[in-house]
Protein backbone atom coordinates (compact mmCIF):
# COMPACT_ATOMS: atom_id res chain seq x y z
CA MET A 1 76.29 130.26 43.86
CA ASP A 2 75.02 127.84 41.23
CA ILE A 3 77.40 124.87 40.75
CA MET A 4 76.75 122.46 37.89
CA ILE A 5 78.71 119.28 37.13
CA ARG A 6 78.76 117.58 33.74
CA GLN A 7 80.77 114.74 32.25
CA CYS A 8 83.36 115.66 29.63
CA THR A 9 83.36 114.22 26.14
CA LEU A 10 85.96 114.10 23.39
CA GLU A 11 84.50 117.35 22.04
CA ASP A 12 85.68 119.03 25.28
CA VAL A 13 89.38 118.31 24.72
CA GLN A 14 90.30 121.96 24.00
CA GLN A 15 88.50 123.24 27.11
CA LEU A 16 90.01 120.40 29.15
CA GLN A 17 93.48 121.37 27.98
CA GLU A 18 92.90 125.03 28.83
CA ILE A 19 91.56 124.36 32.34
CA SER A 20 94.33 121.80 32.96
CA TYR A 21 97.05 124.30 32.01
CA ALA A 22 95.44 127.11 34.01
CA THR A 23 94.84 125.19 37.23
CA PHE A 24 98.17 123.33 37.19
CA ASN A 25 100.05 126.58 36.57
CA GLU A 26 98.22 128.42 39.37
CA THR A 27 98.85 125.62 41.83
CA PHE A 28 102.39 124.50 41.11
CA ARG A 29 104.39 127.05 39.06
CA GLU A 30 105.67 129.12 42.00
CA GLN A 31 107.22 126.10 43.74
CA ASN A 32 108.84 124.55 40.66
CA SER A 33 111.27 125.58 37.95
CA PRO A 34 109.69 126.99 34.77
CA GLU A 35 111.46 124.32 32.69
CA HIS A 36 109.99 121.47 34.75
CA ILE A 37 106.49 122.96 34.74
CA ASP A 38 106.55 123.66 31.01
CA TYR A 39 107.82 120.16 30.25
CA TYR A 40 105.14 118.56 32.44
CA LEU A 41 102.33 120.69 31.00
CA GLU A 42 103.27 119.72 27.45
CA LYS A 43 103.65 116.03 28.33
CA ALA A 44 100.55 115.61 30.52
CA PHE A 45 98.09 117.96 28.85
CA ASN A 46 98.76 117.85 25.11
CA HIS A 47 95.77 117.11 22.86
CA SER A 48 96.71 113.53 22.01
CA GLN A 49 97.35 112.63 25.66
CA LEU A 50 94.04 114.13 26.78
CA GLU A 51 92.17 112.42 23.91
CA LYS A 52 93.72 109.10 24.95
CA GLU A 53 92.57 109.64 28.54
CA LEU A 54 89.09 110.75 27.47
CA ASN A 55 88.78 107.59 25.34
CA ASN A 56 89.84 105.29 28.20
CA PRO A 57 86.71 103.46 29.39
CA TYR A 58 88.14 103.29 32.94
CA SER A 59 88.67 107.05 33.25
CA LYS A 60 86.07 109.81 33.47
CA PHE A 61 86.36 113.58 33.49
CA PHE A 62 83.80 116.04 34.85
CA PHE A 63 83.69 119.82 34.50
CA ALA A 64 82.41 122.03 37.31
CA TYR A 65 80.72 125.27 36.33
CA VAL A 66 79.93 128.13 38.68
CA ASN A 67 77.24 130.42 37.27
CA ASN A 68 77.99 128.94 33.82
CA GLU A 69 81.75 129.64 34.06
CA LEU A 70 84.17 126.69 33.95
CA ALA A 71 85.68 126.61 37.44
CA GLY A 72 87.49 123.27 37.61
CA TYR A 73 87.43 119.60 36.84
CA LEU A 74 87.64 116.08 38.21
CA LYS A 75 89.38 113.03 36.78
CA ILE A 76 88.64 109.59 38.23
CA ASN A 77 90.12 106.20 37.36
CA THR A 78 89.09 102.63 38.05
CA ASP A 79 90.60 99.23 37.32
CA GLN A 80 93.69 99.34 35.07
CA ALA A 81 93.47 103.13 34.55
CA GLN A 82 94.54 103.77 38.16
CA SER A 83 97.97 105.39 38.35
CA GLU A 84 99.06 102.90 41.05
CA LYS A 85 98.27 99.21 41.38
CA MET A 86 95.34 99.12 43.78
CA SER A 87 92.61 96.65 44.56
CA GLU A 88 89.70 96.16 42.18
CA ASP A 89 87.37 97.71 44.76
CA SER A 90 89.22 101.06 44.57
CA LEU A 91 88.44 104.27 42.71
CA GLU A 92 91.22 106.82 42.20
CA ILE A 93 90.64 110.54 42.24
CA GLU A 94 93.53 111.51 39.98
CA ARG A 95 92.68 115.20 39.79
CA ILE A 96 90.43 117.72 41.45
CA TYR A 97 91.74 120.93 39.97
CA ILE A 98 89.95 124.20 40.73
CA LYS A 99 90.82 127.69 39.47
CA GLN A 100 92.12 129.76 42.39
CA SER A 101 89.31 132.29 42.01
CA PHE A 102 86.79 129.51 42.74
CA GLN A 103 88.63 127.75 45.57
CA LYS A 104 86.98 127.62 48.99
CA HIS A 105 83.52 128.05 47.42
CA GLY A 106 82.38 124.41 47.52
CA VAL A 107 83.41 123.46 43.97
CA GLY A 108 85.89 120.82 45.12
CA LYS A 109 83.32 119.32 47.46
CA HIS A 110 80.81 119.06 44.60
CA LEU A 111 83.40 117.29 42.46
CA PHE A 112 84.26 114.97 45.34
CA GLN A 113 80.55 114.14 45.73
CA GLN A 114 80.45 113.25 42.02
CA ALA A 115 83.38 110.86 42.52
CA LEU A 116 81.77 109.38 45.63
CA GLN A 117 78.49 108.79 43.81
CA ILE A 118 80.28 106.93 41.00
CA ALA A 119 82.31 104.89 43.49
CA LYS A 120 79.10 103.78 45.20
CA GLU A 121 77.40 102.99 41.86
CA LEU A 122 80.38 100.79 40.97
CA ASN A 123 80.39 99.16 44.43
CA LYS A 124 83.89 100.41 45.21
CA GLN A 125 84.91 100.06 48.84
CA GLN A 126 87.55 102.78 48.92
CA MET A 127 88.71 105.93 47.18
CA TRP A 128 92.31 107.03 47.04
CA LEU A 129 94.43 109.84 45.64
CA GLY A 130 97.93 111.19 45.51
CA VAL A 131 98.56 114.74 46.67
CA TRP A 132 101.86 116.64 46.63
CA GLU A 133 103.32 116.75 50.13
CA LYS A 134 103.73 120.54 49.84
CA ASN A 135 100.10 121.20 48.80
CA ASP A 136 98.84 121.98 52.31
CA ASN A 137 95.46 123.34 51.19
CA ALA A 138 94.64 120.15 49.28
CA ILE A 139 95.83 117.91 52.12
CA LEU A 140 93.57 119.74 54.60
CA PHE A 141 90.65 119.58 52.15
CA TYR A 142 91.00 115.81 51.75
CA GLN A 143 91.40 115.27 55.50
CA LYS A 144 88.12 117.14 56.07
CA LEU A 145 86.48 114.73 53.60
CA GLY A 146 87.68 111.73 55.63
CA PHE A 147 90.83 110.75 53.73
CA GLU A 148 93.73 109.39 55.77
CA LEU A 149 97.41 109.15 54.95
CA THR A 150 98.17 105.57 53.87
CA GLY A 151 101.46 105.84 51.98
CA GLN A 152 103.46 107.80 49.44
CA HIS A 153 104.90 107.51 45.96
CA SER A 154 107.27 109.41 43.72
CA PHE A 155 106.02 111.95 41.22
CA TYR A 156 108.35 113.42 38.62
CA MET A 157 108.21 117.07 37.66
CA GLY A 158 110.62 117.03 34.75
CA ASP A 159 113.64 115.18 36.12
CA GLU A 160 112.97 116.30 39.69
CA GLN A 161 111.62 113.62 42.00
CA GLN A 162 108.87 114.82 44.34
CA THR A 163 106.76 113.01 46.91
CA ASP A 164 103.02 112.54 46.64
CA LEU A 165 101.16 111.42 49.75
CA ILE A 166 98.71 108.59 49.17
CA MET A 167 95.46 109.29 51.00
CA THR A 168 92.60 106.81 51.26
CA LYS A 169 88.96 107.04 52.29
CA ARG A 170 87.18 103.89 53.40
CA PRO A 171 84.57 102.74 53.94
CA LEU A 172 82.58 104.89 51.56
CA MET A 173 79.77 106.32 53.66
CA ASP A 174 78.32 109.82 53.50
């Protein structure tokens, strides 16, 4: 299986929107009301929101391709782009979203390695992320990569409050 990673640009906004909708739907629709999912998709992944995020110098997106097919993506944040107030030596993995048909094939690990490489280049001492407490597959994946539970925060799906677990990896060694 040939996995290729490349950084997204503003020209990728349509593809980014499509993969965002697809992966978020596959992962979360069954456990949430259609109204809440539809509202969140429109709010989080509309063109202007994605363009704003792509233009943020403290956020980066990367596509993962498997045999030239878009399989998933990564979004990382540093400094003021982080979704929670964290130390300056932190890098946030905001999203590793993989199409279900490509899960458990190493795509997520490749995207994680991309994030780790950038964290090291920027001399970050820790990586952190939020993961929905009911997303058991993702929690296990991050635990295998060395992330540990360090807290939690609220995430809103429509007007429904949910809990995201905060997981942190430090120090950043291979």
